[in-house]
mmCIF file of all heavy atoms, coordinates in Angstrom:
data_MODEL
# 
_entry.id   MODEL 
# 
loop_
_atom_site.group_PDB 
_atom_site.id 
_atom_site.type_symbol 
_atom_site.label_atom_id 
_atom_site.label_alt_id 
_atom_site.label_comp_id 
_atom_site.label_asym_id 
_atom_site.label_entity_id 
_atom_site.label_seq_id 
_atom_site.pdbx_PDB_ins_code 
_atom_site.Cartn_x 
_atom_site.Cartn_y 
_atom_site.Cartn_z 
_atom_site.occupancy 
_atom_site.B_iso_or_equiv 
_atom_site.pdbx_formal_charge 
_atom_site.auth_seq_id 
_atom_site.auth_comp_id 
_atom_site.auth_asym_id 
_atom_site.auth_atom_id 
_atom_site.pdbx_PDB_model_num 
ATOM 1   N N   . VAL A 1 1  ? -0.240  25.804  6.259   1.00 0.00 ? 1  VAL A N   1 
ATOM 2   C CA  . VAL A 1 1  ? -0.842  24.580  6.799   1.00 0.00 ? 1  VAL A CA  1 
ATOM 3   C C   . VAL A 1 1  ? -2.336  24.453  6.380   1.00 0.00 ? 1  VAL A C   1 
ATOM 4   O O   . VAL A 1 1  ? -2.830  23.405  5.960   1.00 0.00 ? 1  VAL A O   1 
ATOM 5   C CB  . VAL A 1 1  ? -0.715  24.548  8.325   1.00 0.00 ? 1  VAL A CB  1 
ATOM 6   C CG1 . VAL A 1 1  ? -1.328  23.242  8.857   1.00 0.00 ? 1  VAL A CG1 1 
ATOM 7   C CG2 . VAL A 1 1  ? 0.718   24.611  8.698   1.00 0.00 ? 1  VAL A CG2 1 
ATOM 8   N N   . VAL A 1 2  ? -3.035  25.570  6.441   1.00 0.00 ? 2  VAL A N   1 
ATOM 9   C CA  . VAL A 1 2  ? -4.413  25.596  6.015   1.00 0.00 ? 2  VAL A CA  1 
ATOM 10  C C   . VAL A 1 2  ? -4.565  25.229  4.545   1.00 0.00 ? 2  VAL A C   1 
ATOM 11  O O   . VAL A 1 2  ? -5.468  24.485  4.116   1.00 0.00 ? 2  VAL A O   1 
ATOM 12  C CB  . VAL A 1 2  ? -5.067  26.959  6.288   1.00 0.00 ? 2  VAL A CB  1 
ATOM 13  C CG1 . VAL A 1 2  ? -6.459  27.088  5.677   1.00 0.00 ? 2  VAL A CG1 1 
ATOM 14  C CG2 . VAL A 1 2  ? -5.127  27.231  7.783   1.00 0.00 ? 2  VAL A CG2 1 
ATOM 15  N N   . ALA A 1 3  ? -3.620  25.747  3.755   1.00 0.00 ? 3  ALA A N   1 
ATOM 16  C CA  . ALA A 1 3  ? -3.645  25.419  2.277   1.00 0.00 ? 3  ALA A CA  1 
ATOM 17  C C   . ALA A 1 3  ? -3.441  23.956  2.066   1.00 0.00 ? 3  ALA A C   1 
ATOM 18  O O   . ALA A 1 3  ? -4.205  23.322  1.235   1.00 0.00 ? 3  ALA A O   1 
ATOM 19  C CB  . ALA A 1 3  ? -2.547  26.234  1.579   1.00 0.00 ? 3  ALA A CB  1 
ATOM 20  N N   . LEU A 1 4  ? -2.468  23.329  2.739   1.00 0.00 ? 4  LEU A N   1 
ATOM 21  C CA  . LEU A 1 4  ? -2.249  21.926  2.519   1.00 0.00 ? 4  LEU A CA  1 
ATOM 22  C C   . LEU A 1 4  ? -3.382  21.060  3.051   1.00 0.00 ? 4  LEU A C   1 
ATOM 23  O O   . LEU A 1 4  ? -3.785  20.054  2.426   1.00 0.00 ? 4  LEU A O   1 
ATOM 24  C CB  . LEU A 1 4  ? -0.930  21.500  3.161   1.00 0.00 ? 4  LEU A CB  1 
ATOM 25  C CG  . LEU A 1 4  ? -0.351  20.120  2.776   1.00 0.00 ? 4  LEU A CG  1 
ATOM 26  C CD1 . LEU A 1 4  ? -0.207  20.029  1.253   1.00 0.00 ? 4  LEU A CD1 1 
ATOM 27  C CD2 . LEU A 1 4  ? 1.010   19.904  3.440   1.00 0.00 ? 4  LEU A CD2 1 
ATOM 28  N N   . LEU A 1 5  ? -3.961  21.453  4.164   1.00 0.00 ? 5  LEU A N   1 
ATOM 29  C CA  . LEU A 1 5  ? -5.148  20.703  4.661   1.00 0.00 ? 5  LEU A CA  1 
ATOM 30  C C   . LEU A 1 5  ? -6.327  20.854  3.726   1.00 0.00 ? 5  LEU A C   1 
ATOM 31  O O   . LEU A 1 5  ? -7.037  19.862  3.507   1.00 0.00 ? 5  LEU A O   1 
ATOM 32  C CB  . LEU A 1 5  ? -5.472  21.210  6.081   1.00 0.00 ? 5  LEU A CB  1 
ATOM 33  C CG  . LEU A 1 5  ? -4.535  20.850  7.179   1.00 0.00 ? 5  LEU A CG  1 
ATOM 34  C CD1 . LEU A 1 5  ? -4.957  21.499  8.508   1.00 0.00 ? 5  LEU A CD1 1 
ATOM 35  C CD2 . LEU A 1 5  ? -4.436  19.355  7.382   1.00 0.00 ? 5  LEU A CD2 1 
ATOM 36  N N   . GLY A 1 6  ? -6.532  22.022  3.196   1.00 0.00 ? 6  GLY A N   1 
ATOM 37  C CA  . GLY A 1 6  ? -7.605  22.224  2.255   1.00 0.00 ? 6  GLY A CA  1 
ATOM 38  C C   . GLY A 1 6  ? -7.425  21.393  0.978   1.00 0.00 ? 6  GLY A C   1 
ATOM 39  O O   . GLY A 1 6  ? -8.359  20.828  0.435   1.00 0.00 ? 6  GLY A O   1 
ATOM 40  N N   . LEU A 1 7  ? -6.186  21.343  0.501   1.00 0.00 ? 7  LEU A N   1 
ATOM 41  C CA  . LEU A 1 7  ? -5.877  20.538  -0.651  1.00 0.00 ? 7  LEU A CA  1 
ATOM 42  C C   . LEU A 1 7  ? -6.142  19.071  -0.372  1.00 0.00 ? 7  LEU A C   1 
ATOM 43  O O   . LEU A 1 7  ? -6.749  18.347  -1.207  1.00 0.00 ? 7  LEU A O   1 
ATOM 44  C CB  . LEU A 1 7  ? -4.382  20.740  -1.044  1.00 0.00 ? 7  LEU A CB  1 
ATOM 45  C CG  . LEU A 1 7  ? -3.897  19.823  -2.185  1.00 0.00 ? 7  LEU A CG  1 
ATOM 46  C CD1 . LEU A 1 7  ? -4.608  20.161  -3.496  1.00 0.00 ? 7  LEU A CD1 1 
ATOM 47  C CD2 . LEU A 1 7  ? -2.368  19.990  -2.359  1.00 0.00 ? 7  LEU A CD2 1 
ATOM 48  N N   . GLY A 1 8  ? -5.697  18.586  0.799   1.00 0.00 ? 8  GLY A N   1 
ATOM 49  C CA  . GLY A 1 8  ? -5.974  17.170  1.116   1.00 0.00 ? 8  GLY A CA  1 
ATOM 50  C C   . GLY A 1 8  ? -7.454  16.864  1.248   1.00 0.00 ? 8  GLY A C   1 
ATOM 51  O O   . GLY A 1 8  ? -7.914  15.809  0.830   1.00 0.00 ? 8  GLY A O   1 
ATOM 52  N N   . ALA A 1 9  ? -8.219  17.801  1.840   1.00 0.00 ? 9  ALA A N   1 
ATOM 53  C CA  . ALA A 1 9  ? -9.660  17.606  2.006   1.00 0.00 ? 9  ALA A CA  1 
ATOM 54  C C   . ALA A 1 9  ? -10.334 17.548  0.615   1.00 0.00 ? 9  ALA A C   1 
ATOM 55  O O   . ALA A 1 9  ? -11.194 16.698  0.404   1.00 0.00 ? 9  ALA A O   1 
ATOM 56  C CB  . ALA A 1 9  ? -10.255 18.706  2.839   1.00 0.00 ? 9  ALA A CB  1 
ATOM 57  N N   . ALA A 1 10 ? -10.009 18.476  -0.248  1.00 0.00 ? 10 ALA A N   1 
ATOM 58  C CA  . ALA A 1 10 ? -10.619 18.524  -1.581  1.00 0.00 ? 10 ALA A CA  1 
ATOM 59  C C   . ALA A 1 10 ? -10.228 17.296  -2.366  1.00 0.00 ? 10 ALA A C   1 
ATOM 60  O O   . ALA A 1 10 ? -11.100 16.667  -3.055  1.00 0.00 ? 10 ALA A O   1 
ATOM 61  C CB  . ALA A 1 10 ? -10.224 19.782  -2.323  1.00 0.00 ? 10 ALA A CB  1 
ATOM 62  N N   . GLY A 1 11 ? -8.961  16.901  -2.318  1.00 0.00 ? 11 GLY A N   1 
ATOM 63  C CA  . GLY A 1 11 ? -8.539  15.695  -3.049  1.00 0.00 ? 11 GLY A CA  1 
ATOM 64  C C   . GLY A 1 11 ? -9.202  14.442  -2.504  1.00 0.00 ? 11 GLY A C   1 
ATOM 65  O O   . GLY A 1 11 ? -9.600  13.553  -3.270  1.00 0.00 ? 11 GLY A O   1 
ATOM 66  N N   . GLY A 1 12 ? -9.299  14.328  -1.169  1.00 0.00 ? 12 GLY A N   1 
ATOM 67  C CA  . GLY A 1 12 ? -9.963  13.178  -0.599  1.00 0.00 ? 12 GLY A CA  1 
ATOM 68  C C   . GLY A 1 12 ? -11.437 13.080  -0.981  1.00 0.00 ? 12 GLY A C   1 
ATOM 69  O O   . GLY A 1 12 ? -11.965 12.002  -1.289  1.00 0.00 ? 12 GLY A O   1 
ATOM 70  N N   . TRP A 1 13 ? -12.121 14.215  -0.957  1.00 0.00 ? 13 TRP A N   1 
ATOM 71  C CA  . TRP A 1 13 ? -13.541 14.217  -1.354  1.00 0.00 ? 13 TRP A CA  1 
ATOM 72  C C   . TRP A 1 13 ? -13.692 13.768  -2.793  1.00 0.00 ? 13 TRP A C   1 
ATOM 73  O O   . TRP A 1 13 ? -14.552 12.961  -3.148  1.00 0.00 ? 13 TRP A O   1 
ATOM 74  C CB  . TRP A 1 13 ? -14.118 15.611  -1.141  1.00 0.00 ? 13 TRP A CB  1 
ATOM 75  C CG  . TRP A 1 13 ? -15.453 15.820  -1.753  1.00 0.00 ? 13 TRP A CG  1 
ATOM 76  C CD1 . TRP A 1 13 ? -15.759 16.320  -3.030  1.00 0.00 ? 13 TRP A CD1 1 
ATOM 77  C CD2 . TRP A 1 13 ? -16.724 15.507  -1.167  1.00 0.00 ? 13 TRP A CD2 1 
ATOM 78  N NE1 . TRP A 1 13 ? -17.090 16.365  -3.193  1.00 0.00 ? 13 TRP A NE1 1 
ATOM 79  C CE2 . TRP A 1 13 ? -17.737 15.854  -2.081  1.00 0.00 ? 13 TRP A CE2 1 
ATOM 80  C CE3 . TRP A 1 13 ? -17.131 15.002  0.093   1.00 0.00 ? 13 TRP A CE3 1 
ATOM 81  C CZ2 . TRP A 1 13 ? -19.065 15.729  -1.841  1.00 0.00 ? 13 TRP A CZ2 1 
ATOM 82  C CZ3 . TRP A 1 13 ? -18.476 14.814  0.364   1.00 0.00 ? 13 TRP A CZ3 1 
ATOM 83  C CH2 . TRP A 1 13 ? -19.432 15.245  -0.584  1.00 0.00 ? 13 TRP A CH2 1 
ATOM 84  N N   . ALA A 1 14 ? -12.842 14.290  -3.698  1.00 0.00 ? 14 ALA A N   1 
ATOM 85  C CA  . ALA A 1 14 ? -12.947 13.928  -5.113  1.00 0.00 ? 14 ALA A CA  1 
ATOM 86  C C   . ALA A 1 14 ? -12.659 12.433  -5.311  1.00 0.00 ? 14 ALA A C   1 
ATOM 87  O O   . ALA A 1 14 ? -13.350 11.739  -6.092  1.00 0.00 ? 14 ALA A O   1 
ATOM 88  C CB  . ALA A 1 14 ? -11.945 14.748  -5.931  1.00 0.00 ? 14 ALA A CB  1 
ATOM 89  N N   . ALA A 1 15 ? -11.633 11.878  -4.617  1.00 0.00 ? 15 ALA A N   1 
ATOM 90  C CA  . ALA A 1 15 ? -11.294 10.480  -4.790  1.00 0.00 ? 15 ALA A CA  1 
ATOM 91  C C   . ALA A 1 15 ? -12.423 9.581   -4.265  1.00 0.00 ? 15 ALA A C   1 
ATOM 92  O O   . ALA A 1 15 ? -12.802 8.617   -4.883  1.00 0.00 ? 15 ALA A O   1 
ATOM 93  C CB  . ALA A 1 15 ? -9.999  10.168  -4.049  1.00 0.00 ? 15 ALA A CB  1 
ATOM 94  N N   . LEU A 1 16 ? -12.959 9.940   -3.076  1.00 0.00 ? 16 LEU A N   1 
ATOM 95  C CA  . LEU A 1 16 ? -14.037 9.122   -2.525  1.00 0.00 ? 16 LEU A CA  1 
ATOM 96  C C   . LEU A 1 16 ? -15.272 9.187   -3.357  1.00 0.00 ? 16 LEU A C   1 
ATOM 97  O O   . LEU A 1 16 ? -15.999 8.177   -3.548  1.00 0.00 ? 16 LEU A O   1 
ATOM 98  C CB  . LEU A 1 16 ? -14.330 9.594   -1.088  1.00 0.00 ? 16 LEU A CB  1 
ATOM 99  C CG  . LEU A 1 16 ? -13.240 9.293   -0.073  1.00 0.00 ? 16 LEU A CG  1 
ATOM 100 C CD1 . LEU A 1 16 ? -13.615 9.947   1.302   1.00 0.00 ? 16 LEU A CD1 1 
ATOM 101 C CD2 . LEU A 1 16 ? -13.030 7.808   0.101   1.00 0.00 ? 16 LEU A CD2 1 
ATOM 102 N N   . ARG A 1 17 ? -15.573 10.363  -3.920  1.00 0.00 ? 17 ARG A N   1 
ATOM 103 C CA  . ARG A 1 17 ? -16.780 10.505  -4.772  1.00 0.00 ? 17 ARG A CA  1 
ATOM 104 C C   . ARG A 1 17 ? -16.635 9.670   -6.075  1.00 0.00 ? 17 ARG A C   1 
ATOM 105 O O   . ARG A 1 17 ? -17.599 9.151   -6.581  1.00 0.00 ? 17 ARG A O   1 
ATOM 106 C CB  . ARG A 1 17 ? -17.011 11.972  -5.103  1.00 0.00 ? 17 ARG A CB  1 
ATOM 107 C CG  . ARG A 1 17 ? -17.481 12.776  -3.988  1.00 0.00 ? 17 ARG A CG  1 
ATOM 108 C CD  . ARG A 1 17 ? -18.986 12.671  -3.829  1.00 0.00 ? 17 ARG A CD  1 
ATOM 109 N NE  . ARG A 1 17 ? -19.687 13.459  -4.833  1.00 0.00 ? 17 ARG A NE  1 
ATOM 110 C CZ  . ARG A 1 17 ? -20.741 13.059  -5.519  1.00 0.00 ? 17 ARG A CZ  1 
ATOM 111 N NH1 . ARG A 1 17 ? -21.227 11.886  -5.268  1.00 0.00 ? 17 ARG A NH1 1 
ATOM 112 N NH2 . ARG A 1 17 ? -21.316 13.861  -6.430  1.00 0.00 ? 17 ARG A NH2 1 
ATOM 113 N N   . ARG A 1 18 ? -15.419 9.558   -6.535  1.00 0.00 ? 18 ARG A N   1 
ATOM 114 C CA  . ARG A 1 18 ? -15.167 8.859   -7.819  1.00 0.00 ? 18 ARG A CA  1 
ATOM 115 C C   . ARG A 1 18 ? -15.233 7.306   -7.559  1.00 0.00 ? 18 ARG A C   1 
ATOM 116 O O   . ARG A 1 18 ? -15.785 6.583   -8.413  1.00 0.00 ? 18 ARG A O   1 
ATOM 117 C CB  . ARG A 1 18 ? -13.849 9.209   -8.408  1.00 0.00 ? 18 ARG A CB  1 
ATOM 118 C CG  . ARG A 1 18 ? -13.562 8.511   -9.724  1.00 0.00 ? 18 ARG A CG  1 
ATOM 119 C CD  . ARG A 1 18 ? -12.296 9.083   -10.335 1.00 0.00 ? 18 ARG A CD  1 
ATOM 120 N NE  . ARG A 1 18 ? -12.537 10.449  -10.799 1.00 0.00 ? 18 ARG A NE  1 
ATOM 121 C CZ  . ARG A 1 18 ? -13.003 10.754  -11.932 1.00 0.00 ? 18 ARG A CZ  1 
ATOM 122 N NH1 . ARG A 1 18 ? -13.354 9.795   -12.797 1.00 0.00 ? 18 ARG A NH1 1 
ATOM 123 N NH2 . ARG A 1 18 ? -13.161 12.029  -12.283 1.00 0.00 ? 18 ARG A NH2 1 
ATOM 124 N N   . LEU A 1 19 ? -14.787 6.875   -6.389  1.00 0.00 ? 19 LEU A N   1 
ATOM 125 C CA  . LEU A 1 19 ? -14.646 5.405   -6.165  1.00 0.00 ? 19 LEU A CA  1 
ATOM 126 C C   . LEU A 1 19 ? -15.842 4.813   -5.453  1.00 0.00 ? 19 LEU A C   1 
ATOM 127 O O   . LEU A 1 19 ? -16.027 3.614   -5.435  1.00 0.00 ? 19 LEU A O   1 
ATOM 128 C CB  . LEU A 1 19 ? -13.403 5.106   -5.328  1.00 0.00 ? 19 LEU A CB  1 
ATOM 129 C CG  . LEU A 1 19 ? -12.068 5.410   -6.021  1.00 0.00 ? 19 LEU A CG  1 
ATOM 130 C CD1 . LEU A 1 19 ? -10.914 5.137   -5.082  1.00 0.00 ? 19 LEU A CD1 1 
ATOM 131 C CD2 . LEU A 1 19 ? -11.916 4.595   -7.292  1.00 0.00 ? 19 LEU A CD2 1 
ATOM 132 N N   . GLY A 1 20 ? -16.659 5.596   -4.790  1.00 0.00 ? 20 GLY A N   1 
ATOM 133 C CA  . GLY A 1 20 ? -17.777 4.972   -4.099  1.00 0.00 ? 20 GLY A CA  1 
ATOM 134 C C   . GLY A 1 20 ? -18.413 5.927   -3.065  1.00 0.00 ? 20 GLY A C   1 
ATOM 135 O O   . GLY A 1 20 ? -19.382 6.618   -3.379  1.00 0.00 ? 20 GLY A O   1 
ATOM 136 N N   . PRO A 1 21 ? -17.927 5.931   -1.824  1.00 0.00 ? 21 PRO A N   1 
ATOM 137 C CA  . PRO A 1 21 ? -16.768 5.257   -1.281  1.00 0.00 ? 21 PRO A CA  1 
ATOM 138 C C   . PRO A 1 21 ? -17.065 3.804   -0.750  1.00 0.00 ? 21 PRO A C   1 
ATOM 139 O O   . PRO A 1 21 ? -16.144 3.010   -0.586  1.00 0.00 ? 21 PRO A O   1 
ATOM 140 C CB  . PRO A 1 21 ? -16.316 6.107   -0.125  1.00 0.00 ? 21 PRO A CB  1 
ATOM 141 C CG  . PRO A 1 21 ? -17.551 6.718   0.355   1.00 0.00 ? 21 PRO A CG  1 
ATOM 142 C CD  . PRO A 1 21 ? -18.470 6.897   -0.812  1.00 0.00 ? 21 PRO A CD  1 
ATOM 143 N N   . LEU A 1 22 ? -18.336 3.477   -0.500  1.00 0.00 ? 22 LEU A N   1 
ATOM 144 C CA  . LEU A 1 22 ? -18.660 2.174   0.006   1.00 0.00 ? 22 LEU A CA  1 
ATOM 145 C C   . LEU A 1 22 ? -18.631 1.176   -1.169  1.00 0.00 ? 22 LEU A C   1 
ATOM 146 O O   . LEU A 1 22 ? -19.414 1.272   -2.108  1.00 0.00 ? 22 LEU A O   1 
ATOM 147 C CB  . LEU A 1 22 ? -20.023 2.117   0.691   1.00 0.00 ? 22 LEU A CB  1 
ATOM 148 C CG  . LEU A 1 22 ? -20.109 2.795   2.052   1.00 0.00 ? 22 LEU A CG  1 
ATOM 149 C CD1 . LEU A 1 22 ? -21.427 2.550   2.698   1.00 0.00 ? 22 LEU A CD1 1 
ATOM 150 C CD2 . LEU A 1 22 ? -19.007 2.323   2.973   1.00 0.00 ? 22 LEU A CD2 1 
ATOM 151 N N   . VAL A 1 23 ? -17.721 0.228   -1.091  1.00 0.00 ? 23 VAL A N   1 
ATOM 152 C CA  . VAL A 1 23 ? -17.520 -0.727  -2.178  1.00 0.00 ? 23 VAL A CA  1 
ATOM 153 C C   . VAL A 1 23 ? -17.503 -2.115  -1.611  1.00 0.00 ? 23 VAL A C   1 
ATOM 154 O O   . VAL A 1 23 ? -16.822 -2.394  -0.631  1.00 0.00 ? 23 VAL A O   1 
ATOM 155 C CB  . VAL A 1 23 ? -16.183 -0.452  -2.926  1.00 0.00 ? 23 VAL A CB  1 
ATOM 156 C CG1 . VAL A 1 23 ? -16.015 -1.486  -4.073  1.00 0.00 ? 23 VAL A CG1 1 
ATOM 157 C CG2 . VAL A 1 23 ? -16.138 0.952   -3.499  1.00 0.00 ? 23 VAL A CG2 1 
ATOM 158 N N   . ILE A 1 24 ? -18.268 -3.000  -2.215  1.00 0.00 ? 24 ILE A N   1 
ATOM 159 C CA  . ILE A 1 24 ? -18.228 -4.415  -1.864  1.00 0.00 ? 24 ILE A CA  1 
ATOM 160 C C   . ILE A 1 24 ? -17.795 -5.182  -3.087  1.00 0.00 ? 24 ILE A C   1 
ATOM 161 O O   . ILE A 1 24 ? -17.884 -4.686  -4.228  1.00 0.00 ? 24 ILE A O   1 
ATOM 162 C CB  . ILE A 1 24 ? -19.593 -4.936  -1.375  1.00 0.00 ? 24 ILE A CB  1 
ATOM 163 C CG1 . ILE A 1 24 ? -20.678 -4.734  -2.479  1.00 0.00 ? 24 ILE A CG1 1 
ATOM 164 C CG2 . ILE A 1 24 ? -19.997 -4.279  -0.074  1.00 0.00 ? 24 ILE A CG2 1 
ATOM 165 C CD1 . ILE A 1 24 ? -22.039 -5.235  -2.068  1.00 0.00 ? 24 ILE A CD1 1 
ATOM 166 N N   . GLY A 1 25 ? -17.263 -6.354  -2.883  1.00 0.00 ? 25 GLY A N   1 
ATOM 167 C CA  . GLY A 1 25 ? -16.801 -7.172  -3.997  1.00 0.00 ? 25 GLY A CA  1 
ATOM 168 C C   . GLY A 1 25 ? -17.923 -7.559  -4.949  1.00 0.00 ? 25 GLY A C   1 
ATOM 169 O O   . GLY A 1 25 ? -19.099 -7.605  -4.562  1.00 0.00 ? 25 GLY A O   1 
ATOM 170 N N   . ARG A 1 26 ? -17.559 -7.802  -6.162  1.00 0.00 ? 26 ARG A N   1 
ATOM 171 C CA  . ARG A 1 26 ? -18.578 -8.155  -7.162  1.00 0.00 ? 26 ARG A CA  1 
ATOM 172 C C   . ARG A 1 26 ? -19.318 -9.444  -6.805  1.00 0.00 ? 26 ARG A C   1 
ATOM 173 O O   . ARG A 1 26 ? -20.524 -9.569  -7.094  1.00 0.00 ? 26 ARG A O   1 
ATOM 174 C CB  . ARG A 1 26 ? -17.965 -8.203  -8.568  1.00 0.00 ? 26 ARG A CB  1 
ATOM 175 C CG  . ARG A 1 26 ? -17.733 -6.814  -9.158  1.00 0.00 ? 26 ARG A CG  1 
ATOM 176 C CD  . ARG A 1 26 ? -17.087 -6.846  -10.491 1.00 0.00 ? 26 ARG A CD  1 
ATOM 177 N NE  . ARG A 1 26 ? -15.710 -7.346  -10.400 1.00 0.00 ? 26 ARG A NE  1 
ATOM 178 C CZ  . ARG A 1 26 ? -14.901 -7.381  -11.462 1.00 0.00 ? 26 ARG A CZ  1 
ATOM 179 N NH1 . ARG A 1 26 ? -15.300 -7.051  -12.643 1.00 0.00 ? 26 ARG A NH1 1 
ATOM 180 N NH2 . ARG A 1 26 ? -13.664 -7.799  -11.296 1.00 0.00 ? 26 ARG A NH2 1 
ATOM 181 N N   . PRO A 1 27 ? -18.625 -10.473 -6.259  1.00 0.00 ? 27 PRO A N   1 
ATOM 182 C CA  . PRO A 1 27 ? -19.435 -11.648 -5.849  1.00 0.00 ? 27 PRO A CA  1 
ATOM 183 C C   . PRO A 1 27 ? -20.466 -11.308 -4.757  1.00 0.00 ? 27 PRO A C   1 
ATOM 184 O O   . PRO A 1 27 ? -21.589 -11.798 -4.793  1.00 0.00 ? 27 PRO A O   1 
ATOM 185 C CB  . PRO A 1 27 ? -18.310 -12.585 -5.308  1.00 0.00 ? 27 PRO A CB  1 
ATOM 186 C CG  . PRO A 1 27 ? -17.087 -12.208 -6.017  1.00 0.00 ? 27 PRO A CG  1 
ATOM 187 C CD  . PRO A 1 27 ? -17.178 -10.740 -6.196  1.00 0.00 ? 27 PRO A CD  1 
ATOM 188 N N   . ASP A 1 28 ? -19.986 -10.415 -3.809  1.00 0.00 ? 28 ASP A N   1 
ATOM 189 C CA  . ASP A 1 28 ? -21.027 -10.011 -2.770  1.00 0.00 ? 28 ASP A CA  1 
ATOM 190 C C   . ASP A 1 28 ? -22.114 -9.206  -3.410  1.00 0.00 ? 28 ASP A C   1 
ATOM 191 O O   . ASP A 1 28 ? -23.300 -9.337  -2.993  1.00 0.00 ? 28 ASP A O   1 
ATOM 192 C CB  . ASP A 1 28 ? -20.299 -9.148  -1.710  1.00 0.00 ? 28 ASP A CB  1 
ATOM 193 C CG  . ASP A 1 28 ? -19.307 -10.007 -0.867  1.00 0.00 ? 28 ASP A CG  1 
ATOM 194 O OD1 . ASP A 1 28 ? -19.379 -11.285 -1.003  1.00 0.00 ? 28 ASP A OD1 1 
ATOM 195 O OD2 . ASP A 1 28 ? -18.526 -9.428  -0.123  1.00 0.00 ? 28 ASP A OD2 1 
# 
């Protein structure tokens, strides 16, 4: 369980760091 939670935490951090995470539309 610790392994899967750690994998989810690391993957979530990487995805959020790549996408923003705060994103507003280009018109805004």
